[in-house]
Each structure stands twice: as structure tokens, then as C-alpha cells.
Amino acid sequence: MQNAQTPEVLWAQRSNSSDPAKNVLYITLSVPDVPPSSAKLDISPTSISFSGHSDTKKVDYHVELELYAEIDVENSKSHHTPRGVELVLRKKEMKAEYWPRLPKESKKVHFLKTDFDKWVDEDDQEALADDDYGNFGGMGDDGGLGGIDFSKLGAAGGMGESSGMEGMSAGADDEDEDDSEDMPDLEEDDKAAVTADSSTPDSKPVIEEVS
């Protein structure tokens, strides 16, 4: 496709040595306003390729990417949205370690970027809930994608601690206010007694005469 524009490609991944459903790549092709009728997506065990045209933006898109390792095409999924194409590609080799990169070659790829909304560090992925994989992006058996629940991702942890500290501080202030409200008012007699005690002079010291 001549004079085609290379779209931005976002990616993230998970890895697992025993569960294939947790051994995947998340890839988003940013090709807005490209209808499925004018899009062509090819996925092979070692590469992905996309071509499409946007009438509203008057742009032709084209991208080809050789993958670092093989994927299981039959168990991979794709979904076309108004904003682009979302892919969940299952890695063929079962390993606990992450791929060191997405492309086959180690050279810099200007259009490829990390999807920080979906990324989780390799050491932190064991703490994820199971539905991070089963319902990631709302994908079901039909390959459909919906809204993503980012609260189940790794970045939410630090936010939770901050919110917790704020809650503790607010709770302490509330307790102080409650304590002051719970103290009973002094009766008139008690007030008089306190006033009298405060006005009573200290006892005079005893002076002994020296003979």
C-alpha cells in the first residue's frame, strides 16, 4: 500500500509455565475509524500484518511486525473497534519468563510502545486475580472486547495505600470531634466550684523562728 501511514502499536504481556490462558500478548493497533469492510488482518505463528483505510481521516494504514517467538494462532483472538484493533495472542511456548521484547529483531521500532494501562511487571503478575486473564478487556468466547477494569492491574496497589492513609487520618479527626461532642456540659454548681478553686491563693509557707 503506497503512501500508507504506520499506526501506533501498543503492547503488554503475561507469562505462565502451566496455564496457556495466562501466557498471552495484548496488542492494540491504533487505527481509528477504519471499518471492518476495509480492513485486512493477517496473523501467522510468527507475524502480524494489518492494512486498512479510514474514509473520515482520509488515511491508509499499514503495519507488519515479525514477532520475537511463535504464537498459537488458533487460540488467539481479535476484535475490531471504532478506535482500532485489539488482539490477545497466545504464546506458543509455555514459560514463566516474559519475552524480552515483542519484535524479532532488537532494533528500535519507532511505532511500538508499551501499553502501560495493561502492563504488569513480571514479578507482580502472580498477585493478579484470575479474572485479569479470563475477563481482560471483557473478552468472551466470541472474541468480543468491552471495557477494561484497571483496578485489577498492578498500578492500583500504590493508590490503595495512599487512600488508606487518608482514610485513617480522616477517621482520627472524626474521633477527636466525637470525643469533644461527648463531653457533658458542667452544671452551674460545678462551674462555681471550679472558679472558687482557681481563685484560692496558695497556702503561705510556715516560717520558723530562730532562737
N, C-alpha and C. Protein backbone atom coordinates (compact mmCIF):
# COMPACT_ATOMS: atom_id res chain seq x y z
N MET A 1 0.86 -1.20 0.00
CA MET A 1 0.00 0.00 0.00
C MET A 1 0.88 1.24 0.00
N GLN A 2 0.86 2.00 -1.11
CA GLN A 2 1.73 3.15 -1.24
C GLN A 2 1.26 4.31 -0.37
N ASN A 3 2.25 5.06 0.16
CA ASN A 3 1.99 6.24 0.98
C ASN A 3 1.11 5.92 2.19
N ALA A 4 1.21 4.71 2.68
CA ALA A 4 0.42 4.33 3.85
C ALA A 4 1.09 4.81 5.13
N GLN A 5 0.27 5.10 6.11
CA GLN A 5 0.77 5.55 7.41
C GLN A 5 0.90 4.36 8.36
N THR A 6 2.03 4.30 9.07
CA THR A 6 2.23 3.23 10.05
C THR A 6 1.53 3.62 11.35
N PRO A 7 0.58 2.83 11.83
CA PRO A 7 -0.13 3.18 13.06
C PRO A 7 0.69 2.89 14.30
N GLU A 8 0.32 3.53 15.38
CA GLU A 8 0.94 3.24 16.67
C GLU A 8 0.47 1.86 17.14
N VAL A 9 1.40 1.09 17.67
CA VAL A 9 1.10 -0.25 18.18
C VAL A 9 1.46 -0.30 19.66
N LEU A 10 0.48 -0.60 20.50
CA LEU A 10 0.69 -0.72 21.95
C LEU A 10 0.70 -2.19 22.32
N TRP A 11 1.53 -2.55 23.31
CA TRP A 11 1.57 -3.96 23.70
C TRP A 11 1.89 -4.14 25.18
N ALA A 12 1.42 -5.27 25.70
CA ALA A 12 1.72 -5.71 27.06
C ALA A 12 1.70 -7.24 27.02
N GLN A 13 2.07 -7.88 28.12
CA GLN A 13 2.11 -9.34 28.11
C GLN A 13 1.92 -9.92 29.50
N ARG A 14 1.61 -11.22 29.52
CA ARG A 14 1.58 -12.05 30.71
C ARG A 14 2.34 -13.34 30.37
N SER A 15 2.84 -14.03 31.37
CA SER A 15 3.54 -15.28 31.12
C SER A 15 3.18 -16.31 32.18
N ASN A 16 3.17 -17.58 31.76
CA ASN A 16 2.85 -18.67 32.70
C ASN A 16 3.37 -19.97 32.11
N SER A 17 3.93 -20.81 32.98
CA SER A 17 4.52 -22.06 32.51
C SER A 17 3.55 -23.24 32.54
N SER A 18 2.34 -23.03 33.09
CA SER A 18 1.41 -24.16 33.21
C SER A 18 0.00 -23.85 32.70
N ASP A 19 -0.38 -22.57 32.65
CA ASP A 19 -1.73 -22.20 32.21
C ASP A 19 -1.65 -21.41 30.91
N PRO A 20 -2.07 -22.00 29.78
CA PRO A 20 -1.98 -21.30 28.49
C PRO A 20 -2.75 -19.99 28.44
N ALA A 21 -3.86 -19.92 29.16
CA ALA A 21 -4.69 -18.71 29.14
C ALA A 21 -4.00 -17.53 29.82
N LYS A 22 -2.96 -17.80 30.60
CA LYS A 22 -2.21 -16.74 31.28
C LYS A 22 -0.85 -16.52 30.63
N ASN A 23 -0.70 -16.96 29.40
CA ASN A 23 0.57 -16.86 28.69
C ASN A 23 0.30 -16.15 27.35
N VAL A 24 0.04 -14.85 27.44
CA VAL A 24 -0.51 -14.13 26.29
C VAL A 24 0.17 -12.79 26.05
N LEU A 25 -0.09 -12.25 24.85
CA LEU A 25 0.31 -10.90 24.46
C LEU A 25 -0.95 -10.07 24.25
N TYR A 26 -0.93 -8.82 24.70
CA TYR A 26 -2.02 -7.89 24.45
C TYR A 26 -1.51 -6.82 23.49
N ILE A 27 -2.10 -6.74 22.32
CA ILE A 27 -1.64 -5.81 21.29
C ILE A 27 -2.82 -4.98 20.79
N THR A 28 -2.61 -3.67 20.69
CA THR A 28 -3.63 -2.77 20.17
C THR A 28 -3.07 -2.00 18.98
N LEU A 29 -3.74 -2.11 17.85
CA LEU A 29 -3.38 -1.36 16.65
C LEU A 29 -4.24 -0.10 16.62
N SER A 30 -3.62 1.07 16.71
CA SER A 30 -4.36 2.33 16.77
C SER A 30 -4.71 2.78 15.36
N VAL A 31 -5.82 2.28 14.87
CA VAL A 31 -6.29 2.61 13.51
C VAL A 31 -7.74 3.08 13.61
N PRO A 32 -7.96 4.30 14.11
CA PRO A 32 -9.33 4.79 14.32
C PRO A 32 -10.10 4.98 13.03
N ASP A 33 -11.41 4.73 13.12
CA ASP A 33 -12.34 4.97 12.01
C ASP A 33 -12.06 4.12 10.78
N VAL A 34 -11.45 2.97 10.98
CA VAL A 34 -11.27 2.03 9.88
C VAL A 34 -12.36 0.96 9.99
N PRO A 35 -13.33 0.93 9.09
CA PRO A 35 -14.40 -0.07 9.18
C PRO A 35 -13.88 -1.46 8.85
N PRO A 36 -14.48 -2.49 9.44
CA PRO A 36 -14.05 -3.86 9.15
C PRO A 36 -14.06 -4.20 7.67
N SER A 37 -14.95 -3.56 6.91
CA SER A 37 -15.06 -3.86 5.48
C SER A 37 -13.82 -3.45 4.70
N SER A 38 -13.06 -2.46 5.21
CA SER A 38 -11.87 -2.01 4.51
C SER A 38 -10.59 -2.39 5.24
N ALA A 39 -10.69 -3.32 6.18
CA ALA A 39 -9.53 -3.74 6.97
C ALA A 39 -9.14 -5.17 6.61
N LYS A 40 -7.85 -5.42 6.63
CA LYS A 40 -7.33 -6.76 6.37
C LYS A 40 -6.29 -7.09 7.43
N LEU A 41 -6.59 -8.09 8.24
CA LEU A 41 -5.69 -8.52 9.32
C LEU A 41 -5.22 -9.94 9.06
N ASP A 42 -3.91 -10.11 9.05
CA ASP A 42 -3.32 -11.44 8.87
C ASP A 42 -2.46 -11.76 10.09
N ILE A 43 -2.74 -12.91 10.70
CA ILE A 43 -1.97 -13.36 11.86
C ILE A 43 -1.39 -14.74 11.54
N SER A 44 -0.07 -14.83 11.61
CA SER A 44 0.61 -16.10 11.40
C SER A 44 1.32 -16.48 12.70
N PRO A 45 1.89 -17.67 12.78
CA PRO A 45 2.59 -18.06 14.01
C PRO A 45 3.77 -17.16 14.36
N THR A 46 4.29 -16.43 13.39
CA THR A 46 5.48 -15.61 13.65
C THR A 46 5.31 -14.13 13.33
N SER A 47 4.12 -13.71 12.88
CA SER A 47 3.97 -12.31 12.49
C SER A 47 2.52 -11.86 12.51
N ILE A 48 2.33 -10.54 12.51
CA ILE A 48 1.00 -9.94 12.32
C ILE A 48 1.13 -8.86 11.25
N SER A 49 0.07 -8.71 10.47
CA SER A 49 0.05 -7.71 9.41
C SER A 49 -1.35 -7.10 9.33
N PHE A 50 -1.39 -5.78 9.16
CA PHE A 50 -2.69 -5.10 9.06
C PHE A 50 -2.63 -4.04 7.98
N SER A 51 -3.73 -3.94 7.21
CA SER A 51 -3.92 -2.88 6.23
C SER A 51 -5.37 -2.42 6.32
N GLY A 52 -5.59 -1.12 6.18
CA GLY A 52 -6.95 -0.59 6.23
C GLY A 52 -7.01 0.85 5.81
N HIS A 53 -8.23 1.32 5.53
CA HIS A 53 -8.43 2.69 5.07
C HIS A 53 -9.52 3.37 5.90
N SER A 54 -9.25 4.61 6.28
CA SER A 54 -10.23 5.43 7.01
C SER A 54 -10.76 6.51 6.09
N ASP A 55 -12.07 6.46 5.79
CA ASP A 55 -12.68 7.48 4.93
C ASP A 55 -12.75 8.82 5.64
N THR A 56 -13.03 8.81 6.95
CA THR A 56 -13.18 10.07 7.69
C THR A 56 -11.85 10.80 7.83
N LYS A 57 -10.76 10.05 8.03
CA LYS A 57 -9.45 10.67 8.19
C LYS A 57 -8.65 10.71 6.88
N LYS A 58 -9.19 10.07 5.86
CA LYS A 58 -8.51 10.03 4.57
C LYS A 58 -7.09 9.48 4.70
N VAL A 59 -6.99 8.37 5.41
CA VAL A 59 -5.68 7.79 5.68
C VAL A 59 -5.70 6.30 5.38
N ASP A 60 -4.63 5.82 4.77
CA ASP A 60 -4.39 4.39 4.62
C ASP A 60 -3.39 3.96 5.67
N TYR A 61 -3.70 2.87 6.37
CA TYR A 61 -2.80 2.33 7.40
C TYR A 61 -2.20 1.01 6.93
N HIS A 62 -0.95 0.81 7.32
CA HIS A 62 -0.31 -0.48 7.04
C HIS A 62 0.80 -0.71 8.06
N VAL A 63 0.84 -1.93 8.61
CA VAL A 63 1.90 -2.29 9.55
C VAL A 63 2.17 -3.79 9.46
N GLU A 64 3.43 -4.15 9.53
CA GLU A 64 3.85 -5.54 9.60
C GLU A 64 4.84 -5.69 10.73
N LEU A 65 4.70 -6.76 11.49
CA LEU A 65 5.56 -6.95 12.65
C LEU A 65 5.93 -8.42 12.79
N GLU A 66 7.24 -8.69 12.72
CA GLU A 66 7.74 -10.03 12.97
C GLU A 66 7.88 -10.21 14.48
N LEU A 67 7.31 -11.28 15.01
CA LEU A 67 7.26 -11.49 16.46
C LEU A 67 8.53 -12.17 16.98
N TYR A 68 8.81 -11.91 18.25
CA TYR A 68 10.01 -12.45 18.89
C TYR A 68 10.01 -13.99 18.88
N ALA A 69 8.83 -14.57 19.13
CA ALA A 69 8.70 -16.03 19.14
C ALA A 69 7.33 -16.40 18.58
N GLU A 70 7.04 -17.69 18.52
CA GLU A 70 5.80 -18.14 17.89
C GLU A 70 4.60 -17.96 18.81
N ILE A 71 3.44 -17.80 18.16
CA ILE A 71 2.17 -17.73 18.88
C ILE A 71 1.26 -18.86 18.42
N ASP A 72 0.25 -19.14 19.22
CA ASP A 72 -0.77 -20.15 18.90
C ASP A 72 -1.93 -19.42 18.22
N VAL A 73 -1.96 -19.45 16.91
CA VAL A 73 -2.95 -18.67 16.15
C VAL A 73 -4.37 -19.13 16.45
N GLU A 74 -4.58 -20.44 16.54
CA GLU A 74 -5.93 -20.97 16.74
C GLU A 74 -6.55 -20.52 18.05
N ASN A 75 -5.74 -20.28 19.07
CA ASN A 75 -6.25 -19.86 20.37
C ASN A 75 -6.03 -18.38 20.64
N SER A 76 -5.77 -17.61 19.59
CA SER A 76 -5.64 -16.17 19.70
C SER A 76 -6.94 -15.51 19.26
N LYS A 77 -7.16 -14.28 19.70
CA LYS A 77 -8.42 -13.60 19.41
C LYS A 77 -8.16 -12.17 18.96
N SER A 78 -9.12 -11.63 18.21
CA SER A 78 -9.04 -10.25 17.76
C SER A 78 -10.42 -9.62 17.81
N HIS A 79 -10.44 -8.30 17.93
CA HIS A 79 -11.72 -7.59 17.94
C HIS A 79 -11.53 -6.21 17.33
N HIS A 80 -12.40 -5.86 16.41
CA HIS A 80 -12.35 -4.57 15.72
C HIS A 80 -13.24 -3.58 16.44
N THR A 81 -12.70 -2.42 16.80
CA THR A 81 -13.46 -1.37 17.47
C THR A 81 -13.33 -0.08 16.67
N PRO A 82 -14.16 0.94 16.95
CA PRO A 82 -14.02 2.22 16.24
C PRO A 82 -12.66 2.88 16.44
N ARG A 83 -11.96 2.51 17.52
CA ARG A 83 -10.65 3.11 17.79
C ARG A 83 -9.50 2.30 17.24
N GLY A 84 -9.74 1.05 16.84
CA GLY A 84 -8.65 0.24 16.32
C GLY A 84 -8.95 -1.24 16.42
N VAL A 85 -7.87 -2.02 16.44
CA VAL A 85 -7.98 -3.47 16.50
C VAL A 85 -7.24 -3.96 17.74
N GLU A 86 -7.93 -4.73 18.57
CA GLU A 86 -7.35 -5.28 19.79
C GLU A 86 -7.13 -6.77 19.62
N LEU A 87 -5.93 -7.23 20.00
CA LEU A 87 -5.54 -8.62 19.84
C LEU A 87 -5.13 -9.21 21.18
N VAL A 88 -5.50 -10.46 21.39
CA VAL A 88 -4.98 -11.25 22.51
C VAL A 88 -4.36 -12.49 21.88
N LEU A 89 -3.04 -12.50 21.80
CA LEU A 89 -2.32 -13.56 21.14
C LEU A 89 -1.70 -14.49 22.18
N ARG A 90 -1.96 -15.76 22.03
CA ARG A 90 -1.44 -16.73 23.00
C ARG A 90 -0.04 -17.18 22.59
N LYS A 91 0.90 -17.05 23.50
CA LYS A 91 2.27 -17.51 23.22
C LYS A 91 2.28 -19.04 23.09
N LYS A 92 3.05 -19.52 22.15
CA LYS A 92 3.09 -20.97 21.92
C LYS A 92 3.91 -21.68 22.99
N GLU A 93 5.07 -21.12 23.32
CA GLU A 93 5.93 -21.75 24.32
C GLU A 93 5.50 -21.34 25.72
N MET A 94 5.32 -22.33 26.58
CA MET A 94 4.92 -22.08 27.96
C MET A 94 6.16 -21.79 28.81
N LYS A 95 6.29 -20.54 29.24
CA LYS A 95 7.42 -20.14 30.06
C LYS A 95 6.96 -19.14 31.12
N ALA A 96 7.63 -19.19 32.27
CA ALA A 96 7.31 -18.25 33.33
C ALA A 96 7.91 -16.87 33.06
N GLU A 97 8.94 -16.82 32.23
CA GLU A 97 9.62 -15.57 31.94
C GLU A 97 8.92 -14.81 30.82
N TYR A 98 8.98 -13.50 30.91
CA TYR A 98 8.46 -12.64 29.85
C TYR A 98 9.33 -12.73 28.59
N TRP A 99 8.72 -12.41 27.46
CA TRP A 99 9.52 -12.16 26.26
C TRP A 99 10.35 -10.89 26.53
N PRO A 100 11.61 -10.87 26.10
CA PRO A 100 12.41 -9.66 26.32
C PRO A 100 11.94 -8.47 25.49
N ARG A 101 11.20 -8.74 24.42
CA ARG A 101 10.66 -7.70 23.53
C ARG A 101 9.58 -8.34 22.66
N LEU A 102 8.84 -7.52 21.95
CA LEU A 102 7.81 -8.03 21.03
C LEU A 102 8.37 -8.34 19.64
N PRO A 103 9.19 -7.46 19.05
CA PRO A 103 9.69 -7.75 17.70
C PRO A 103 10.79 -8.82 17.72
N LYS A 104 10.96 -9.43 16.57
CA LYS A 104 12.01 -10.44 16.44
C LYS A 104 13.39 -9.82 16.58
N GLU A 105 13.60 -8.68 15.92
CA GLU A 105 14.89 -8.01 15.97
C GLU A 105 14.93 -7.03 17.15
N SER A 106 16.13 -6.81 17.65
CA SER A 106 16.29 -5.97 18.84
C SER A 106 16.41 -4.48 18.53
N LYS A 107 16.35 -4.11 17.27
CA LYS A 107 16.48 -2.70 16.92
C LYS A 107 15.24 -1.91 17.35
N LYS A 108 15.43 -0.61 17.49
CA LYS A 108 14.36 0.28 17.92
C LYS A 108 13.26 0.36 16.87
N VAL A 109 12.01 0.19 17.31
CA VAL A 109 10.85 0.31 16.43
C VAL A 109 10.06 1.54 16.88
N HIS A 110 10.03 2.57 16.07
CA HIS A 110 9.51 3.86 16.50
C HIS A 110 8.01 3.85 16.77
N PHE A 111 7.26 2.96 16.10
CA PHE A 111 5.80 2.96 16.25
C PHE A 111 5.32 2.03 17.37
N LEU A 112 6.23 1.29 17.97
CA LEU A 112 5.86 0.32 19.01
C LEU A 112 6.09 0.91 20.39
N LYS A 113 5.03 0.85 21.23
CA LYS A 113 5.11 1.43 22.57
C LYS A 113 4.49 0.49 23.60
N THR A 114 4.94 0.62 24.83
CA THR A 114 4.38 -0.17 25.92
C THR A 114 2.99 0.34 26.28
N ASP A 115 2.06 -0.57 26.46
CA ASP A 115 0.70 -0.22 26.89
C ASP A 115 0.70 -0.23 28.42
N PHE A 116 0.94 0.92 29.03
CA PHE A 116 1.07 1.00 30.48
C PHE A 116 -0.26 0.76 31.20
N ASP A 117 -1.38 0.91 30.50
CA ASP A 117 -2.67 0.62 31.11
C ASP A 117 -2.84 -0.87 31.38
N LYS A 118 -2.15 -1.69 30.60
CA LYS A 118 -2.29 -3.14 30.72
C LYS A 118 -1.03 -3.83 31.26
N TRP A 119 0.07 -3.11 31.29
CA TRP A 119 1.33 -3.73 31.65
C TRP A 119 1.40 -4.03 33.15
N VAL A 120 1.97 -5.19 33.47
CA VAL A 120 2.26 -5.59 34.84
C VAL A 120 3.66 -6.18 34.84
N ASP A 121 4.48 -5.81 35.81
CA ASP A 121 5.83 -6.36 35.88
C ASP A 121 5.79 -7.87 36.06
N GLU A 122 6.80 -8.52 35.56
CA GLU A 122 6.86 -9.99 35.61
C GLU A 122 6.75 -10.52 37.04
N ASP A 123 7.41 -9.86 37.98
CA ASP A 123 7.41 -10.33 39.36
C ASP A 123 6.08 -10.09 40.07
N ASP A 124 5.24 -9.22 39.51
CA ASP A 124 3.99 -8.87 40.17
C ASP A 124 2.78 -9.62 39.61
N GLN A 125 2.94 -10.33 38.53
CA GLN A 125 1.77 -10.92 37.87
C GLN A 125 1.16 -12.08 38.67
N GLU A 126 1.93 -12.72 39.55
CA GLU A 126 1.37 -13.81 40.34
C GLU A 126 0.31 -13.31 41.32
N ALA A 127 0.36 -12.05 41.67
CA ALA A 127 -0.61 -11.49 42.63
C ALA A 127 -1.92 -11.09 41.97
N LEU A 128 -2.01 -11.20 40.64
CA LEU A 128 -3.21 -10.79 39.94
C LEU A 128 -4.35 -11.77 40.17
N ALA A 129 -5.56 -11.24 40.18
CA ALA A 129 -6.74 -12.10 40.28
C ALA A 129 -6.93 -12.85 38.97
N ASP A 130 -7.58 -13.98 39.05
CA ASP A 130 -7.79 -14.82 37.86
C ASP A 130 -8.57 -14.09 36.78
N ASP A 131 -9.49 -13.21 37.16
CA ASP A 131 -10.30 -12.54 36.15
C ASP A 131 -9.51 -11.48 35.38
N ASP A 132 -8.27 -11.22 35.80
CA ASP A 132 -7.42 -10.35 34.99
C ASP A 132 -7.16 -11.00 33.63
N TYR A 133 -7.16 -12.33 33.61
CA TYR A 133 -6.93 -13.06 32.37
C TYR A 133 -8.26 -13.45 31.72
N GLY A 134 -9.18 -14.00 32.51
CA GLY A 134 -10.41 -14.52 31.95
C GLY A 134 -11.30 -13.44 31.37
N ASN A 135 -11.31 -12.24 31.98
CA ASN A 135 -12.20 -11.18 31.52
C ASN A 135 -11.44 -9.95 31.08
N PHE A 136 -10.16 -10.12 30.76
CA PHE A 136 -9.37 -8.95 30.41
C PHE A 136 -9.96 -8.30 29.17
N GLY A 137 -10.36 -7.02 29.34
CA GLY A 137 -10.98 -6.31 28.23
C GLY A 137 -12.39 -6.76 27.94
N GLY A 138 -12.97 -7.62 28.82
CA GLY A 138 -14.32 -8.08 28.57
C GLY A 138 -14.39 -9.13 27.49
N MET A 139 -13.26 -9.73 27.13
CA MET A 139 -13.27 -10.69 26.02
C MET A 139 -13.93 -11.99 26.44
N GLY A 140 -14.89 -12.43 25.69
CA GLY A 140 -15.57 -13.70 25.94
C GLY A 140 -15.22 -14.71 24.88
N ASP A 141 -15.99 -15.79 24.82
CA ASP A 141 -15.72 -16.83 23.85
C ASP A 141 -15.93 -16.36 22.42
N ASP A 142 -16.74 -15.30 22.23
CA ASP A 142 -16.99 -14.83 20.88
C ASP A 142 -15.91 -13.87 20.39
N GLY A 143 -14.90 -13.63 21.24
CA GLY A 143 -13.81 -12.75 20.84
C GLY A 143 -14.11 -11.29 21.01
N GLY A 144 -15.26 -10.96 21.62
CA GLY A 144 -15.62 -9.57 21.79
C GLY A 144 -14.84 -8.91 22.90
N LEU A 145 -14.62 -7.61 22.77
CA LEU A 145 -13.91 -6.86 23.78
C LEU A 145 -14.80 -5.75 24.29
N GLY A 146 -14.72 -5.53 25.61
CA GLY A 146 -15.52 -4.46 26.20
C GLY A 146 -14.64 -3.57 27.05
N GLY A 147 -15.21 -3.01 28.13
CA GLY A 147 -14.45 -2.13 29.00
C GLY A 147 -13.45 -2.90 29.84
N ILE A 148 -12.32 -2.27 30.15
CA ILE A 148 -11.26 -2.91 30.92
C ILE A 148 -11.33 -2.42 32.35
N ASP A 149 -11.29 -3.34 33.30
CA ASP A 149 -11.30 -2.98 34.71
C ASP A 149 -9.86 -2.79 35.16
N PHE A 150 -9.35 -1.48 35.22
CA PHE A 150 -7.96 -1.24 35.53
C PHE A 150 -7.66 -1.40 37.01
N SER A 151 -8.70 -1.53 37.78
CA SER A 151 -8.46 -1.66 39.21
C SER A 151 -7.80 -2.97 39.56
N LYS A 152 -7.86 -3.98 38.63
CA LYS A 152 -7.26 -5.28 38.89
C LYS A 152 -5.84 -5.37 38.34
N LEU A 153 -5.32 -4.18 37.98
CA LEU A 153 -3.96 -4.19 37.48
C LEU A 153 -3.00 -3.69 38.54
N GLY A 154 -1.69 -3.94 38.11
CA GLY A 154 -0.72 -3.72 39.18
C GLY A 154 -0.62 -2.31 39.68
N ALA A 155 -0.88 -1.28 38.85
CA ALA A 155 -0.67 0.09 39.27
C ALA A 155 -1.61 0.54 40.35
N ALA A 156 -2.67 -0.19 40.59
CA ALA A 156 -3.66 0.24 41.57
C ALA A 156 -3.19 0.07 43.00
N GLY A 157 -2.11 -0.73 43.21
CA GLY A 157 -1.69 -1.03 44.57
C GLY A 157 -1.28 0.20 45.34
N GLY A 158 -0.39 1.05 44.73
CA GLY A 158 0.07 2.23 45.43
C GLY A 158 -1.06 3.19 45.73
N MET A 159 -2.02 3.30 44.83
CA MET A 159 -3.15 4.19 45.05
C MET A 159 -3.96 3.74 46.25
N GLY A 160 -4.06 2.44 46.41
CA GLY A 160 -4.82 1.91 47.54
C GLY A 160 -4.20 2.29 48.86
N GLU A 161 -2.83 2.24 48.94
CA GLU A 161 -2.17 2.59 50.18
C GLU A 161 -2.38 4.05 50.51
N SER A 162 -2.30 4.92 49.48
CA SER A 162 -2.49 6.34 49.70
C SER A 162 -3.89 6.63 50.22
N SER A 163 -4.88 5.99 49.59
CA SER A 163 -6.26 6.19 50.01
C SER A 163 -6.48 5.71 51.42
N GLY A 164 -5.79 4.62 51.78
CA GLY A 164 -5.94 4.06 53.12
C GLY A 164 -5.42 5.01 54.18
N MET A 165 -4.26 5.66 53.92
CA MET A 165 -3.69 6.59 54.88
C MET A 165 -4.60 7.80 55.05
N GLU A 166 -5.15 8.28 53.92
CA GLU A 166 -6.06 9.42 54.02
C GLU A 166 -7.28 9.06 54.85
N GLY A 167 -7.75 7.83 54.66
CA GLY A 167 -8.92 7.40 55.41
C GLY A 167 -8.65 7.32 56.89
N MET A 168 -7.41 6.85 57.26
CA MET A 168 -7.04 6.75 58.67
C MET A 168 -6.97 8.13 59.29
N SER A 169 -6.38 9.11 58.53
CA SER A 169 -6.27 10.47 59.04
C SER A 169 -7.63 11.08 59.26
N ALA A 170 -8.52 10.87 58.29
CA ALA A 170 -9.87 11.42 58.41
C ALA A 170 -10.59 10.78 59.57
N GLY A 171 -10.37 9.46 59.77
CA GLY A 171 -11.02 8.77 60.86
C GLY A 171 -10.58 9.31 62.21
N ALA A 172 -9.25 9.63 62.32
CA ALA A 172 -8.73 10.15 63.58
C ALA A 172 -9.36 11.50 63.89
N ASP A 173 -9.50 12.36 62.86
CA ASP A 173 -10.13 13.66 63.09
C ASP A 173 -11.57 13.51 63.54
N ASP A 174 -12.27 12.54 62.94
CA ASP A 174 -13.66 12.32 63.32
C ASP A 174 -13.77 11.88 64.77
N GLU A 175 -12.80 11.02 65.22
CA GLU A 175 -12.84 10.55 66.60
C GLU A 175 -12.64 11.71 67.57
N ASP A 176 -11.68 12.65 67.22
CA ASP A 176 -11.45 13.79 68.08
C ASP A 176 -12.71 14.64 68.20
N GLU A 177 -13.40 14.83 67.09
CA GLU A 177 -14.63 15.61 67.13
C GLU A 177 -15.69 14.92 67.94
N ASP A 178 -15.77 13.58 67.81
CA ASP A 178 -16.77 12.84 68.57
C ASP A 178 -16.49 12.93 70.06
N ASP A 179 -15.19 12.85 70.45
CA ASP A 179 -14.84 12.91 71.87
C ASP A 179 -15.24 14.25 72.46
N SER A 180 -14.99 15.34 71.71
CA SER A 180 -15.32 16.66 72.24
C SER A 180 -16.83 16.84 72.34
N GLU A 181 -17.56 16.20 71.43
CA GLU A 181 -19.01 16.32 71.47
C GLU A 181 -19.60 15.50 72.60
N ASP A 182 -18.94 14.41 72.98
CA ASP A 182 -19.48 13.53 74.01
C ASP A 182 -19.26 14.08 75.41
N MET A 183 -18.37 15.04 75.63
CA MET A 183 -18.10 15.56 76.98
C MET A 183 -19.30 16.37 77.46
N PRO A 184 -19.84 16.05 78.66
CA PRO A 184 -21.03 16.76 79.17
C PRO A 184 -20.69 18.17 79.61
N ASP A 185 -21.68 19.06 79.52
CA ASP A 185 -21.50 20.43 80.00
C ASP A 185 -21.46 20.45 81.51
N LEU A 186 -20.69 21.36 82.09
CA LEU A 186 -20.60 21.49 83.54
C LEU A 186 -21.88 22.12 84.08
N GLU A 187 -22.37 21.58 85.20
CA GLU A 187 -23.51 22.20 85.87
C GLU A 187 -23.06 23.50 86.52
N GLU A 188 -24.03 24.33 86.83
CA GLU A 188 -23.71 25.63 87.41
C GLU A 188 -22.91 25.49 88.70
N ASP A 189 -23.30 24.49 89.57
CA ASP A 189 -22.59 24.31 90.84
C ASP A 189 -21.15 23.91 90.59
N ASP A 190 -20.94 23.04 89.58
CA ASP A 190 -19.58 22.60 89.28
C ASP A 190 -18.73 23.75 88.78
N LYS A 191 -19.36 24.62 87.94
CA LYS A 191 -18.63 25.77 87.45
C LYS A 191 -18.19 26.67 88.59
N ALA A 192 -19.10 26.88 89.56
CA ALA A 192 -18.77 27.73 90.70
C ALA A 192 -17.63 27.15 91.49
N ALA A 193 -17.64 25.82 91.67
CA ALA A 193 -16.59 25.16 92.43
C ALA A 193 -15.24 25.31 91.74
N VAL A 194 -15.26 25.17 90.44
CA VAL A 194 -14.01 25.30 89.70
C VAL A 194 -13.48 26.71 89.81
N THR A 195 -14.41 27.71 89.71
CA THR A 195 -14.00 29.11 89.82
C THR A 195 -13.41 29.41 91.19
N ALA A 196 -14.05 28.86 92.23
CA ALA A 196 -13.58 29.09 93.59
C ALA A 196 -12.21 28.48 93.79
N ASP A 197 -12.02 27.29 93.30
CA ASP A 197 -10.72 26.62 93.46
C ASP A 197 -9.63 27.39 92.76
N SER A 198 -9.95 27.94 91.60
CA SER A 198 -8.92 28.64 90.84
C SER A 198 -8.55 29.96 91.46
N SER A 199 -9.49 30.55 92.28
CA SER A 199 -9.21 31.85 92.90
C SER A 199 -8.58 31.72 94.27
N THR A 200 -8.54 30.53 94.87
CA THR A 200 -7.99 30.32 96.21
C THR A 200 -6.49 30.48 96.18
N PRO A 201 -5.91 31.38 96.99
CA PRO A 201 -4.45 31.57 96.97
C PRO A 201 -3.75 30.35 97.52
N ASP A 202 -2.51 30.20 97.12
CA ASP A 202 -1.72 29.08 97.63
C ASP A 202 -1.49 29.25 99.13
N SER A 203 -1.31 28.18 99.86
CA SER A 203 -1.03 28.24 101.32
C SER A 203 0.28 28.97 101.56
N LYS A 204 0.28 29.80 102.59
CA LYS A 204 1.50 30.55 102.93
C LYS A 204 2.50 29.62 103.55
N PRO A 205 3.78 29.84 103.29
CA PRO A 205 4.81 28.97 103.87
C PRO A 205 4.97 29.24 105.38
N VAL A 206 5.29 28.22 106.12
CA VAL A 206 5.48 28.35 107.59
C VAL A 206 6.89 28.84 107.84
N ILE A 207 6.99 29.92 108.64
CA ILE A 207 8.33 30.49 108.95
C ILE A 207 8.67 30.12 110.38
N GLU A 208 9.76 29.48 110.59
CA GLU A 208 10.19 29.09 111.92
C GLU A 208 11.12 30.17 112.47
N GLU A 209 10.88 30.49 113.77
CA GLU A 209 11.74 31.47 114.42
C GLU A 209 13.04 30.82 114.84
N VAL A 210 14.11 31.56 114.63
CA VAL A 210 15.44 31.03 115.02
C VAL A 210 15.84 31.70 116.31
N SER A 211 16.12 30.88 117.37
CA SER A 211 16.48 31.44 118.67
C SER A 211 17.96 31.79 118.72
